[in-house]
Every structure is written in structure tokens, then in C-alpha cells.
Amino acid sequence: MCVGGVGIGQGMFVPAIKGQGTEEQQQKWLPLAYKMQIIGCYAQTELGHGSNVQGLETTATFDPDKDEFVIHSPTLTSSKVSKFIKSLTN
């Protein structure tokens, strides 16, 4: 029986590996996750969307010239909590 954080880890971390990992990543990480030899987490951080994952607005686009992701949060509701708190304190 999974309890508390373990349930979330197994309920969201493992499916994220299965649904988004490459074959190579799945072969490496899933056995470890199933045996609880590694733990992982799942997080989403938009002010206006809570648990509404389909409503997330932020995009991450890979820029191969810079070898980095460009993060775009187009609205106030897509702002990240830490950015919002920082703006309130400065």
C-alpha cells in the first residue's frame, strides 16, 4: 500500500517516465523506480492553474544554437510563484 508522498511518487513520477522518457531512459530508470531505489517528484508551478494541468500556459522551446531551453510564460496566471513573491518583495 502506498501512503502519502510515496503514493504521489509512484502515481505521478513513474507515469512521467513511462509517458515521456525515451526507451533508453525507461530501461534505466523504471526498474529503479519500481523497486523504490530512486524516488522522484512531479511539480507544476503556475499561479492560476493549480491542478489543472491542461490549462498550463508556459512553454519551453529548445534553442539549438544556444543549447538551452527558452521558457515563455505569457500571462500573469502563468507566472511562477517564486517570481511573483520576488516581485512583491522588491
Foldseek 3Di string as FASTA:
>chain_A
DDDDPLCQQVVPVLVCCVVPNDPVSCVPPVVCVVVVVDTDHDDDFFQQQVPNPVPADWDWDQDVVVRGTDIDQPDNRNDGPVVVVVVVVD
